[in-house]
Amino acid sequence: MQSNLFNSKSRTYIVVPILPEHKPNWPFVVNVKPSKQNMIDQLRHLNLKQLRAVDISRFDKKLGQLEQSYFLQIKSVLLELFNLKD
């Protein structure tokens, strides 16, 4: 969830859980469909209310990458969640 600048300067990653099922109409969720790029196995959702910092030692390899098409939704939810909208 964080930029490459923060990745290079920190011993932690900011992560968001990827949880089972789609959650329609939940304002803090982004629903994700499985694909070859993201390597997600079934319909899931990102619960952006559960952001957390995790030590990088807990990660050994990258499994997949979320498609760019989800980032506008993620940005919108984070702006609302942290009350950063005008």
C-alpha atoms as a PDB file:
ATOM      1  CA  MET A   1       0.000   0.000   0.000  1.00  0.00           C
ATOM      2  CA  GLN A   2       2.954   2.374   0.210  1.00  0.00           C
ATOM      3  CA  SER A   3       5.186   4.040  -2.360  1.00  0.00           C
ATOM      4  CA  ASN A   4       8.614   2.837  -3.450  1.00  0.00           C
ATOM      5  CA  LEU A   5      10.186   5.799  -1.603  1.00  0.00           C
ATOM      6  CA  PHE A   6       8.763   4.561   1.693  1.00  0.00           C
ATOM      7  CA  ASN A   7       9.683   0.975   0.836  1.00  0.00           C
ATOM      8  CA  SER A   8      13.321   1.976   0.409  1.00  0.00           C
ATOM      9  CA  LYS A   9      13.468   4.031   3.648  1.00  0.00           C
ATOM     10  CA  SER A  10      11.552   1.810   6.071  1.00  0.00           C
ATOM     11  CA  ARG A  11      11.771  -1.605   7.701  1.00  0.00           C
ATOM     12  CA  THR A  12       7.980  -1.964   7.545  1.00  0.00           C
ATOM     13  CA  TYR A  13       5.345  -2.231   4.835  1.00  0.00           C
ATOM     14  CA  ILE A  14       1.861  -0.805   5.143  1.00  0.00           C
ATOM     15  CA  VAL A  15      -0.460  -3.668   4.228  1.00  0.00           C
ATOM     16  CA  VAL A  16      -4.170  -4.278   3.829  1.00  0.00           C
ATOM     17  CA  PRO A  17      -5.827  -7.669   4.383  1.00  0.00           C
ATOM     18  CA  ILE A  18      -7.265  -9.515   1.402  1.00  0.00           C
ATOM     19  CA  LEU A  19     -10.326 -11.294   2.788  1.00  0.00           C
ATOM     20  CA  PRO A  20     -12.799 -13.845   1.343  1.00  0.00           C
ATOM     21  CA  GLU A  21     -15.933 -12.904  -0.601  1.00  0.00           C
ATOM     22  CA  HIS A  22     -17.167  -9.671  -2.123  1.00  0.00           C
ATOM     23  CA  LYS A  23     -18.772  -7.123   0.189  1.00  0.00           C
ATOM     24  CA  PRO A  24     -21.166  -4.946  -1.824  1.00  0.00           C
ATOM     25  CA  ASN A  25     -22.051  -1.552  -0.363  1.00  0.00           C
ATOM     26  CA  TRP A  26     -19.378  -1.557   2.339  1.00  0.00           C
ATOM     27  CA  PRO A  27     -17.786   1.917   2.129  1.00  0.00           C
ATOM     28  CA  PHE A  28     -14.333   0.822   3.350  1.00  0.00           C
ATOM     29  CA  VAL A  29     -13.965  -2.162   0.992  1.00  0.00           C
ATOM     30  CA  VAL A  30     -12.614  -2.646  -2.528  1.00  0.00           C
ATOM     31  CA  ASN A  31     -13.775  -5.881  -4.144  1.00  0.00           C
ATOM     32  CA  VAL A  32     -11.213  -7.798  -6.208  1.00  0.00           C
ATOM     33  CA  LYS A  33     -11.679 -10.482  -8.854  1.00  0.00           C
ATOM     34  CA  PRO A  34      -9.120 -13.251  -9.361  1.00  0.00           C
ATOM     35  CA  SER A  35      -6.659 -12.934 -12.252  1.00  0.00           C
ATOM     36  CA  LYS A  36      -3.294 -14.261 -13.416  1.00  0.00           C
ATOM     37  CA  GLN A  37      -1.672 -10.927 -12.484  1.00  0.00           C
ATOM     38  CA  ASN A  38      -2.952 -10.653  -8.919  1.00  0.00           C
ATOM     39  CA  MET A  39      -2.799 -14.407  -8.231  1.00  0.00           C
ATOM     40  CA  ILE A  40      -5.918 -14.205  -6.064  1.00  0.00           C
ATOM     41  CA  ASP A  41      -7.749 -17.535  -6.028  1.00  0.00           C
ATOM     42  CA  GLN A  42     -11.382 -16.431  -5.601  1.00  0.00           C
ATOM     43  CA  LEU A  43     -13.601 -13.361  -5.199  1.00  0.00           C
ATOM     44  CA  ARG A  44     -12.122 -11.344  -2.332  1.00  0.00           C
ATOM     45  CA  HIS A  45     -12.139  -7.880  -0.827  1.00  0.00           C
ATOM     46  CA  LEU A  46      -9.563  -5.442   0.521  1.00  0.00           C
ATOM     47  CA  ASN A  47     -10.641  -4.191   3.945  1.00  0.00           C
ATOM     48  CA  LEU A  48      -9.071  -0.741   4.071  1.00  0.00           C
ATOM     49  CA  LYS A  49     -10.181  -0.170   7.679  1.00  0.00           C
ATOM     50  CA  GLN A  50      -7.600  -2.773   8.679  1.00  0.00           C
ATOM     51  CA  LEU A  51      -4.432  -1.083   7.386  1.00  0.00           C
ATOM     52  CA  ARG A  52      -1.378  -1.997   9.446  1.00  0.00           C
ATOM     53  CA  ALA A  53       2.396  -1.793   9.439  1.00  0.00           C
ATOM     54  CA  VAL A  54       4.199  -5.138   9.172  1.00  0.00           C
ATOM     55  CA  ASP A  55       7.940  -5.776   9.453  1.00  0.00           C
ATOM     56  CA  ILE A  56       9.478  -6.561   6.055  1.00  0.00           C
ATOM     57  CA  SER A  57      11.078  -9.720   7.478  1.00  0.00           C
ATOM     58  CA  ARG A  58       7.623 -11.337   7.310  1.00  0.00           C
ATOM     59  CA  PHE A  59       7.754 -11.234   3.491  1.00  0.00           C
ATOM     60  CA  ASP A  60       9.922 -13.596   1.491  1.00  0.00           C
ATOM     61  CA  LYS A  61       8.582 -13.208  -2.046  1.00  0.00           C
ATOM     62  CA  LYS A  62       6.024 -11.345  -4.094  1.00  0.00           C
ATOM     63  CA  LEU A  63       3.086 -13.545  -5.052  1.00  0.00           C
ATOM     64  CA  GLY A  64       1.108 -11.228  -7.331  1.00  0.00           C
ATOM     65  CA  GLN A  65       0.339  -7.622  -8.151  1.00  0.00           C
ATOM     66  CA  LEU A  66      -2.965  -5.837  -7.947  1.00  0.00           C
ATOM     67  CA  GLU A  67      -4.105  -4.376 -11.252  1.00  0.00           C
ATOM     68  CA  GLN A  68      -3.885  -0.613 -11.743  1.00  0.00           C
ATOM     69  CA  SER A  69      -7.659  -0.504 -12.324  1.00  0.00           C
ATOM     70  CA  TYR A  70      -8.267  -0.927  -8.566  1.00  0.00           C
ATOM     71  CA  PHE A  71      -6.152   2.027  -7.436  1.00  0.00           C
ATOM     72  CA  LEU A  72      -8.725   4.732  -8.135  1.00  0.00           C
ATOM     73  CA  GLN A  73     -11.203   2.874  -5.903  1.00  0.00           C
ATOM     74  CA  ILE A  74      -8.556   2.399  -3.210  1.00  0.00           C
ATOM     75  CA  LYS A  75      -7.637   6.091  -3.335  1.00  0.00           C
ATOM     76  CA  SER A  76     -11.276   7.112  -3.060  1.00  0.00           C
ATOM     77  CA  VAL A  77     -11.859   4.877  -0.018  1.00  0.00           C
ATOM     78  CA  LEU A  78      -8.680   6.130   1.716  1.00  0.00           C
ATOM     79  CA  LEU A  79      -9.609   9.772   1.103  1.00  0.00           C
ATOM     80  CA  GLU A  80     -13.000   9.143   2.668  1.00  0.00           C
ATOM     81  CA  LEU A  81     -11.637   6.992   5.497  1.00  0.00           C
ATOM     82  CA  PHE A  82      -9.108   9.613   6.593  1.00  0.00           C
ATOM     83  CA  ASN A  83     -11.484  12.521   5.883  1.00  0.00           C
ATOM     84  CA  LEU A  84      -9.121  14.031   3.300  1.00  0.00           C
ATOM     85  CA  LYS A  85     -11.820  15.077   0.842  1.00  0.00           C
ATOM     86  CA  ASP A  86     -12.500  18.781   0.313  1.00  0.00           C
END
